[in-house]
PDB file of N, CA and C in Angstrom:
ATOM      1  N   UNK A   1      -6.908  26.282  -9.380  1.00  0.00           N
ATOM      2  CA  UNK A   1      -6.007  25.546  -8.507  1.00  0.00           C
ATOM      3  C   UNK A   1      -5.306  26.530  -7.577  1.00  0.00           C
ATOM      4  N   UNK A   2      -5.065  26.097  -6.377  1.00  0.00           N
ATOM      5  CA  UNK A   2      -4.370  26.931  -5.400  1.00  0.00           C
ATOM      6  C   UNK A   2      -2.892  27.013  -5.736  1.00  0.00           C
ATOM      7  N   UNK A   3      -2.297  28.136  -5.396  1.00  0.00           N
ATOM      8  CA  UNK A   3      -0.854  28.286  -5.583  1.00  0.00           C
ATOM      9  C   UNK A   3      -0.146  27.409  -4.558  1.00  0.00           C
ATOM     10  N   UNK A   4       0.921  26.765  -4.989  1.00  0.00           N
ATOM     11  CA  UNK A   4       1.681  25.880  -4.119  1.00  0.00           C
ATOM     12  C   UNK A   4       3.107  26.386  -4.054  1.00  0.00           C
ATOM     13  N   UNK A   5       3.633  26.485  -2.849  1.00  0.00           N
ATOM     14  CA  UNK A   5       5.027  26.854  -2.663  1.00  0.00           C
ATOM     15  C   UNK A   5       5.770  25.609  -2.210  1.00  0.00           C
ATOM     16  N   UNK A   6       6.756  25.225  -2.989  1.00  0.00           N
ATOM     17  CA  UNK A   6       7.537  24.037  -2.668  1.00  0.00           C
ATOM     18  C   UNK A   6       8.793  24.426  -1.913  1.00  0.00           C
ATOM     19  N   UNK A   7       9.232  23.563  -0.987  1.00  0.00           N
ATOM     20  CA  UNK A   7      10.524  23.814  -0.362  1.00  0.00           C
ATOM     21  C   UNK A   7      11.626  23.700  -1.417  1.00  0.00           C
ATOM     22  N   UNK A   8      12.775  24.291  -1.172  1.00  0.00           N
ATOM     23  CA  UNK A   8      13.835  24.328  -2.195  1.00  0.00           C
ATOM     24  C   UNK A   8      14.206  22.969  -2.783  1.00  0.00           C
ATOM     25  N   UNK A   9      14.300  21.929  -1.949  1.00  0.00           N
ATOM     26  CA  UNK A   9      14.694  20.623  -2.477  1.00  0.00           C
ATOM     27  C   UNK A   9      13.643  20.060  -3.428  1.00  0.00           C
ATOM     28  N   UNK A  10      12.353  20.246  -3.117  1.00  0.00           N
ATOM     29  CA  UNK A  10      11.306  19.763  -4.010  1.00  0.00           C
ATOM     30  C   UNK A  10      11.203  20.631  -5.265  1.00  0.00           C
ATOM     31  N   UNK A  11      11.459  21.912  -5.109  1.00  0.00           N
ATOM     32  CA  UNK A  11      11.455  22.800  -6.276  1.00  0.00           C
ATOM     33  C   UNK A  11      12.564  22.401  -7.251  1.00  0.00           C
ATOM     34  N   UNK A  12      13.750  22.086  -6.730  1.00  0.00           N
ATOM     35  CA  UNK A  12      14.851  21.616  -7.585  1.00  0.00           C
ATOM     36  C   UNK A  12      14.472  20.319  -8.294  1.00  0.00           C
ATOM     37  N   UNK A  13      13.869  19.402  -7.538  1.00  0.00           N
ATOM     38  CA  UNK A  13      13.455  18.132  -8.133  1.00  0.00           C
ATOM     39  C   UNK A  13      12.438  18.370  -9.247  1.00  0.00           C
ATOM     40  N   UNK A  14      11.449  19.212  -8.979  1.00  0.00           N
ATOM     41  CA  UNK A  14      10.440  19.522 -10.001  1.00  0.00           C
ATOM     42  C   UNK A  14      11.099  20.125 -11.236  1.00  0.00           C
ATOM     43  N   UNK A  15      12.022  21.043 -11.026  1.00  0.00           N
ATOM     44  CA  UNK A  15      12.727  21.655 -12.157  1.00  0.00           C
ATOM     45  C   UNK A  15      13.503  20.610 -12.955  1.00  0.00           C
ATOM     46  N   UNK A  16      14.111  19.645 -12.255  1.00  0.00           N
ATOM     47  CA  UNK A  16      14.875  18.594 -12.939  1.00  0.00           C
ATOM     48  C   UNK A  16      13.988  17.719 -13.813  1.00  0.00           C
ATOM     49  N   UNK A  17      12.847  17.279 -13.276  1.00  0.00           N
ATOM     50  CA  UNK A  17      11.985  16.400 -14.080  1.00  0.00           C
ATOM     51  C   UNK A  17      11.323  17.159 -15.226  1.00  0.00           C
ATOM     52  N   UNK A  18      11.099  18.464 -15.038  1.00  0.00           N
ATOM     53  CA  UNK A  18      10.577  19.288 -16.130  1.00  0.00           C
ATOM     54  C   UNK A  18      11.646  19.425 -17.207  1.00  0.00           C
ATOM     55  N   UNK A  19      12.889  19.681 -16.794  1.00  0.00           N
ATOM     56  CA  UNK A  19      13.996  19.822 -17.754  1.00  0.00           C
ATOM     57  C   UNK A  19      14.216  18.531 -18.543  1.00  0.00           C
ATOM     58  N   UNK A  20      13.954  17.392 -17.933  1.00  0.00           N
ATOM     59  CA  UNK A  20      14.101  16.100 -18.617  1.00  0.00           C
ATOM     60  C   UNK A  20      12.924  15.803 -19.538  1.00  0.00           C
ATOM     61  N   UNK A  21      11.920  16.669 -19.501  1.00  0.00           N
ATOM     62  CA  UNK A  21      10.768  16.499 -20.383  1.00  0.00           C
ATOM     63  C   UNK A  21       9.704  15.559 -19.852  1.00  0.00           C
ATOM     64  N   UNK A  22       9.815  15.157 -18.613  1.00  0.00           N
ATOM     65  CA  UNK A  22       8.823  14.237 -18.055  1.00  0.00           C
ATOM     66  C   UNK A  22       7.510  14.949 -17.722  1.00  0.00           C
ATOM     67  N   UNK A  23       7.590  16.229 -17.427  1.00  0.00           N
ATOM     68  CA  UNK A  23       6.411  17.030 -17.120  1.00  0.00           C
ATOM     69  C   UNK A  23       6.542  18.372 -17.822  1.00  0.00           C
ATOM     70  N   UNK A  24       5.394  19.010 -18.098  1.00  0.00           N
ATOM     71  CA  UNK A  24       5.394  20.317 -18.772  1.00  0.00           C
ATOM     72  C   UNK A  24       5.734  21.454 -17.827  1.00  0.00           C
ATOM     73  N   UNK A  25       5.174  21.373 -16.599  1.00  0.00           N
ATOM     74  CA  UNK A  25       5.354  22.475 -15.650  1.00  0.00           C
ATOM     75  C   UNK A  25       5.147  21.972 -14.230  1.00  0.00           C
ATOM     76  N   UNK A  26       5.333  22.875 -13.275  1.00  0.00           N
ATOM     77  CA  UNK A  26       5.227  22.508 -11.864  1.00  0.00           C
ATOM     78  C   UNK A  26       3.807  22.048 -11.527  1.00  0.00           C
ATOM     79  N   UNK A  27       2.806  22.661 -12.144  1.00  0.00           N
ATOM     80  CA  UNK A  27       1.424  22.234 -11.884  1.00  0.00           C
ATOM     81  C   UNK A  27       1.248  20.752 -12.210  1.00  0.00           C
ATOM     82  N   UNK A  28       1.826  20.323 -13.316  1.00  0.00           N
ATOM     83  CA  UNK A  28       1.706  18.920 -13.708  1.00  0.00           C
ATOM     84  C   UNK A  28       2.451  18.008 -12.729  1.00  0.00           C
ATOM     85  N   UNK A  29       3.603  18.463 -12.249  1.00  0.00           N
ATOM     86  CA  UNK A  29       4.365  17.692 -11.253  1.00  0.00           C
ATOM     87  C   UNK A  29       3.537  17.552  -9.981  1.00  0.00           C
ATOM     88  N   UNK A  30       2.944  18.635  -9.521  1.00  0.00           N
ATOM     89  CA  UNK A  30       2.144  18.611  -8.296  1.00  0.00           C
ATOM     90  C   UNK A  30       0.914  17.721  -8.493  1.00  0.00           C
ATOM     91  N   UNK A  31       0.254  17.800  -9.644  1.00  0.00           N
ATOM     92  CA  UNK A  31      -0.901  16.934  -9.914  1.00  0.00           C
ATOM     93  C   UNK A  31      -0.509  15.463  -9.833  1.00  0.00           C
ATOM     94  N   UNK A  32       0.656  15.125 -10.405  1.00  0.00           N
ATOM     95  CA  UNK A  32       1.124  13.739 -10.357  1.00  0.00           C
ATOM     96  C   UNK A  32       1.369  13.310  -8.907  1.00  0.00           C
ATOM     97  N   UNK A  33       1.960  14.182  -8.118  1.00  0.00           N
ATOM     98  CA  UNK A  33       2.216  13.864  -6.714  1.00  0.00           C
ATOM     99  C   UNK A  33       0.933  13.686  -5.925  1.00  0.00           C
ATOM    100  N   UNK A  34      -0.031  14.551  -6.147  1.00  0.00           N
ATOM    101  CA  UNK A  34      -1.305  14.448  -5.434  1.00  0.00           C
ATOM    102  C   UNK A  34      -2.046  13.186  -5.878  1.00  0.00           C
ATOM    103  N   UNK A  35      -1.941  12.847  -7.148  1.00  0.00           N
ATOM    104  CA  UNK A  35      -2.562  11.618  -7.650  1.00  0.00           C
ATOM    105  C   UNK A  35      -1.975  10.390  -6.965  1.00  0.00           C
ATOM    106  N   UNK A  36      -0.647  10.360  -6.809  1.00  0.00           N
ATOM    107  CA  UNK A  36      -0.006   9.251  -6.085  1.00  0.00           C
ATOM    108  C   UNK A  36      -0.469   9.193  -4.637  1.00  0.00           C
ATOM    109  N   UNK A  37      -0.577  10.345  -4.008  1.00  0.00           N
ATOM    110  CA  UNK A  37      -1.054  10.410  -2.632  1.00  0.00           C
ATOM    111  C   UNK A  37      -2.492   9.906  -2.538  1.00  0.00           C
ATOM    112  N   UNK A  38      -3.309  10.261  -3.508  1.00  0.00           N
ATOM    113  CA  UNK A  38      -4.700   9.817  -3.532  1.00  0.00           C
ATOM    114  C   UNK A  38      -4.775   8.286  -3.621  1.00  0.00           C
ATOM    115  N   UNK A  39      -3.950   7.691  -4.490  1.00  0.00           N
ATOM    116  CA  UNK A  39      -3.921   6.229  -4.611  1.00  0.00           C
ATOM    117  C   UNK A  39      -3.431   5.584  -3.316  1.00  0.00           C
ATOM    118  N   UNK A  40      -2.398   6.159  -2.721  1.00  0.00           N
ATOM    119  CA  UNK A  40      -1.862   5.612  -1.470  1.00  0.00           C
ATOM    120  C   UNK A  40      -2.919   5.669  -0.366  1.00  0.00           C
ATOM    121  N   UNK A  41      -3.663   6.743  -0.301  1.00  0.00           N
ATOM    122  CA  UNK A  41      -4.715   6.877   0.704  1.00  0.00           C
ATOM    123  C   UNK A  41      -5.828   5.862   0.460  1.00  0.00           C
ATOM    124  N   UNK A  42      -6.178   5.615  -0.796  1.00  0.00           N
ATOM    125  CA  UNK A  42      -7.199   4.615  -1.117  1.00  0.00           C
ATOM    126  C   UNK A  42      -6.723   3.224  -0.718  1.00  0.00           C
ATOM    127  N   UNK A  43      -5.448   2.924  -0.975  1.00  0.00           N
ATOM    128  CA  UNK A  43      -4.888   1.630  -0.579  1.00  0.00           C
ATOM    129  C   UNK A  43      -4.867   1.490   0.942  1.00  0.00           C
ATOM    130  N   UNK A  44      -4.525   2.563   1.639  1.00  0.00           N
ATOM    131  CA  UNK A  44      -4.522   2.533   3.102  1.00  0.00           C
ATOM    132  C   UNK A  44      -5.928   2.290   3.634  1.00  0.00           C
ATOM    133  N   UNK A  45      -6.914   2.969   3.055  1.00  0.00           N
ATOM    134  CA  UNK A  45      -8.298   2.793   3.497  1.00  0.00           C
ATOM    135  C   UNK A  45      -8.767   1.359   3.239  1.00  0.00           C
ATOM    136  N   UNK A  46      -8.388   0.791   2.089  1.00  0.00           N
ATOM    137  CA  UNK A  46      -8.762  -0.590   1.780  1.00  0.00           C
ATOM    138  C   UNK A  46      -8.100  -1.550   2.759  1.00  0.00           C
ATOM    139  N   UNK A  47      -6.836  -1.295   3.104  1.00  0.00           N
ATOM    140  CA  UNK A  47      -6.134  -2.145   4.066  1.00  0.00           C
ATOM    141  C   UNK A  47      -6.798  -2.068   5.434  1.00  0.00           C
ATOM    142  N   UNK A  48      -7.137  -0.852   5.872  1.00  0.00           N
ATOM    143  CA  UNK A  48      -7.810  -0.697   7.163  1.00  0.00           C
ATOM    144  C   UNK A  48      -9.152  -1.413   7.164  1.00  0.00           C
ATOM    145  N   UNK A  49      -9.880  -1.345   6.046  1.00  0.00           N
ATOM    146  CA  UNK A  49     -11.165  -2.043   5.952  1.00  0.00           C
ATOM    147  C   UNK A  49     -10.956  -3.552   6.034  1.00  0.00           C
ATOM    148  N   UNK A  50      -9.899  -4.061   5.399  1.00  0.00           N
ATOM    149  CA  UNK A  50      -9.637  -5.503   5.468  1.00  0.00           C
ATOM    150  C   UNK A  50      -9.277  -5.921   6.890  1.00  0.00           C
ATOM    151  N   UNK A  51      -8.547  -5.067   7.613  1.00  0.00           N
ATOM    152  CA  UNK A  51      -8.251  -5.367   9.013  1.00  0.00           C
ATOM    153  C   UNK A  51      -9.523  -5.382   9.856  1.00  0.00           C
ATOM    154  N   UNK A  52     -10.384  -4.399   9.623  1.00  0.00           N
ATOM    155  CA  UNK A  52     -11.656  -4.361  10.350  1.00  0.00           C
ATOM    156  C   UNK A  52     -12.472  -5.616  10.068  1.00  0.00           C
ATOM    157  N   UNK A  53     -12.496  -6.045   8.793  1.00  0.00           N
ATOM    158  CA  UNK A  53     -13.230  -7.255   8.424  1.00  0.00           C
ATOM    159  C   UNK A  53     -12.628  -8.485   9.090  1.00  0.00           C
ATOM    160  N   UNK A  54     -11.299  -8.554   9.130  1.00  0.00           N
ATOM    161  CA  UNK A  54     -10.627  -9.696   9.764  1.00  0.00           C
ATOM    162  C   UNK A  54     -10.930  -9.738  11.259  1.00  0.00           C
ATOM    163  N   UNK A  55     -10.921  -8.587  11.897  1.00  0.00           N
ATOM    164  CA  UNK A  55     -11.237  -8.537  13.325  1.00  0.00           C
ATOM    165  C   UNK A  55     -12.677  -8.977  13.559  1.00  0.00           C
ATOM    166  N   UNK A  56     -13.598  -8.474  12.740  1.00  0.00           N
ATOM    167  CA  UNK A  56     -15.004  -8.855  12.877  1.00  0.00           C
ATOM    168  C   UNK A  56     -15.179 -10.355  12.653  1.00  0.00           C
ATOM    169  N   UNK A  57     -14.478 -10.901  11.670  1.00  0.00           N
ATOM    170  CA  UNK A  57     -14.550 -12.341  11.404  1.00  0.00           C
ATOM    171  C   UNK A  57     -14.009 -13.125  12.596  1.00  0.00           C
ATOM    172  N   UNK A  58     -12.900 -12.670  13.158  1.00  0.00           N
ATOM    173  CA  UNK A  58     -12.338 -13.337  14.325  1.00  0.00           C
ATOM    174  C   UNK A  58     -13.277 -13.288  15.513  1.00  0.00           C
ATOM    175  N   UNK A  59     -13.901 -12.151  15.710  1.00  0.00           N
ATOM    176  CA  UNK A  59     -14.844 -12.030  16.829  1.00  0.00           C
ATOM    177  C   UNK A  59     -16.071 -12.902  16.608  1.00  0.00           C
ATOM    178  N   UNK A  60     -16.474 -13.048  15.363  1.00  0.00           N
ATOM    179  CA  UNK A  60     -17.639 -13.850  15.031  1.00  0.00           C
ATOM    180  C   UNK A  60     -17.308 -15.346  15.070  1.00  0.00           C
ATOM    181  N   UNK A  61     -16.179 -15.738  14.454  1.00  0.00           N
ATOM    182  CA  UNK A  61     -15.835 -17.154  14.293  1.00  0.00           C
ATOM    183  C   UNK A  61     -14.834 -17.658  15.318  1.00  0.00           C
ATOM    184  N   UNK A  62     -14.225 -16.757  16.059  1.00  0.00           N
ATOM    185  CA  UNK A  62     -13.221 -17.140  17.043  1.00  0.00           C
ATOM    186  C   UNK A  62     -11.817 -16.943  16.485  1.00  0.00           C
ATOM    187  N   UNK A  63     -10.887 -16.803  17.385  1.00  0.00           N
ATOM    188  CA  UNK A  63      -9.494 -16.591  17.018  1.00  0.00           C
ATOM    189  C   UNK A  63      -8.715 -17.884  17.203  1.00  0.00           C
ATOM    190  N   UNK A  64      -7.640 -18.047  16.440  1.00  0.00           N
ATOM    191  CA  UNK A  64      -6.749 -19.192  16.592  1.00  0.00           C
ATOM    192  C   UNK A  64      -5.558 -18.782  17.449  1.00  0.00           C
ATOM    193  N   UNK A  65      -5.050 -19.739  18.209  1.00  0.00           N
ATOM    194  CA  UNK A  65      -3.828 -19.478  18.962  1.00  0.00           C
ATOM    195  C   UNK A  65      -2.647 -19.623  18.010  1.00  0.00           C
ATOM    196  N   UNK A  66      -1.500 -19.148  18.428  1.00  0.00           N
ATOM    197  CA  UNK A  66      -0.296 -19.301  17.616  1.00  0.00           C
ATOM    198  C   UNK A  66       0.004 -20.775  17.384  1.00  0.00           C
ATOM    199  N   UNK A  67      -0.182 -21.607  18.408  1.00  0.00           N
ATOM    200  CA  UNK A  67       0.055 -23.043  18.248  1.00  0.00           C
ATOM    201  C   UNK A  67      -0.858 -23.652  17.187  1.00  0.00           C
ATOM    202  N   UNK A  68      -2.112 -23.215  17.153  1.00  0.00           N
ATOM    203  CA  UNK A  68      -3.049 -23.722  16.149  1.00  0.00           C
ATOM    204  C   UNK A  68      -2.640 -23.293  14.742  1.00  0.00           C
ATOM    205  N   UNK A  69      -2.212 -22.053  14.619  1.00  0.00           N
ATOM    206  CA  UNK A  69      -1.765 -21.551  13.312  1.00  0.00           C
ATOM    207  C   UNK A  69      -0.534 -22.318  12.856  1.00  0.00           C
ATOM    208  N   UNK A  70       0.414 -22.520  13.752  1.00  0.00           N
ATOM    209  CA  UNK A  70       1.637 -23.253  13.400  1.00  0.00           C
ATOM    210  C   UNK A  70       1.313 -24.699  13.015  1.00  0.00           C
ATOM    211  N   UNK A  71       0.422 -25.338  13.747  1.00  0.00           N
ATOM    212  CA  UNK A  71       0.028 -26.711  13.432  1.00  0.00           C
ATOM    213  C   UNK A  71      -0.616 -26.779  12.048  1.00  0.00           C
ATOM    214  N   UNK A  72      -1.519 -25.841  11.756  1.00  0.00           N
ATOM    215  CA  UNK A  72      -2.165 -25.811  10.438  1.00  0.00           C
ATOM    216  C   UNK A  72      -1.145 -25.556   9.333  1.00  0.00           C
ATOM    217  N   UNK A  73      -0.203 -24.648   9.584  1.00  0.00           N
ATOM    218  CA  UNK A  73       0.828 -24.346   8.589  1.00  0.00           C
ATOM    219  C   UNK A  73       1.716 -25.555   8.352  1.00  0.00           C
ATOM    220  N   UNK A  74       2.106 -26.236   9.420  1.00  0.00           N
ATOM    221  CA  UNK A  74       2.935 -27.445   9.270  1.00  0.00           C
ATOM    222  C   UNK A  74       2.198 -28.515   8.482  1.00  0.00           C
ATOM    223  N   UNK A  75       0.919 -28.694   8.764  1.00  0.00           N
ATOM    224  CA  UNK A  75       0.129 -29.698   8.045  1.00  0.00           C
ATOM    225  C   UNK A  75       0.027 -29.338   6.567  1.00  0.00           C
ATOM    226  N   UNK A  76      -0.168 -28.077   6.271  1.00  0.00           N
ATOM    227  CA  UNK A  76      -0.252 -27.642   4.881  1.00  0.00           C
ATOM    228  C   UNK A  76       1.067 -27.845   4.162  1.00  0.00           C
ATOM    229  N   UNK A  77       2.169 -27.505   4.811  1.00  0.00           N
ATOM    230  CA  UNK A  77       3.488 -27.704   4.201  1.00  0.00           C
ATOM    231  C   UNK A  77       3.770 -29.184   3.968  1.00  0.00           C
ATOM    232  N   UNK A  78       3.390 -30.014   4.916  1.00  0.00           N
ATOM    233  CA  UNK A  78       3.590 -31.456   4.760  1.00  0.00           C
ATOM    234  C   UNK A  78       2.747 -31.995   3.602  1.00  0.00           C
ATOM    235  N   UNK A  79       1.517 -31.527   3.511  1.00  0.00           N
ATOM    236  CA  UNK A  79       0.634 -31.929   2.412  1.00  0.00           C
ATOM    237  C   UNK A  79       1.212 -31.521   1.061  1.00  0.00           C
ATOM    238  N   UNK A  80       1.757 -30.315   0.992  1.00  0.00           N
ATOM    239  CA  UNK A  80       2.367 -29.833  -0.258  1.00  0.00           C
ATOM    240  C   UNK A  80       3.591 -30.662  -0.617  1.00  0.00           C
ATOM    241  N   UNK A  81       4.395 -31.002   0.387  1.00  0.00           N
ATOM    242  CA  UNK A  81       5.600 -31.796   0.141  1.00  0.00           C
ATOM    243  C   UNK A  81       5.220 -33.198  -0.327  1.00  0.00           C
ATOM    244  N   UNK A  82       4.180 -33.773   0.269  1.00  0.00           N
ATOM    245  CA  UNK A  82       3.737 -35.116  -0.134  1.00  0.00           C
ATOM    246  C   UNK A  82       3.147 -35.129  -1.530  1.00  0.00           C
ATOM    247  N   UNK A  83       2.537 -34.045  -1.947  1.00  0.00           N
ATOM    248  CA  UNK A  83       1.917 -34.002  -3.281  1.00  0.00           C
ATOM    249  C   UNK A  83       2.968 -33.899  -4.376  1.00  0.00           C
ATOM    250  N   UNK A  84       4.191 -33.510  -4.031  1.00  0.00           N
ATOM    251  CA  UNK A  84       5.277 -33.393  -5.008  1.00  0.00           C
ATOM    252  C   UNK A  84       5.984 -34.712  -5.244  1.00  0.00           C
ATOM    253  N   UNK A  85       5.755 -35.672  -4.363  1.00  0.00           N
ATOM    254  CA  UNK A  85       6.457 -36.970  -4.457  1.00  0.00           C
ATOM    255  C   UNK A  85       5.875 -37.839  -5.523  1.00  0.00           C
TER     256      UNK A  85
END
């Protein structure tokens, strides 16, 4: 593993969580941080892929205007309200 130099504020934080027994050492703290970053990047990539898919679907099937979306939403809300009666 490469040596990592943390800025003072992050070094203090790492020392605090190590002192609390949450991690054994700075390497473990850094691994946990990189793991979180890896998950966040995977979620971002999945979100971008879903946007790309939505755009492709819109281009293929057509886009709705705001008025059409609002009309559909109002109809759905009315249907839900009527089903509760």
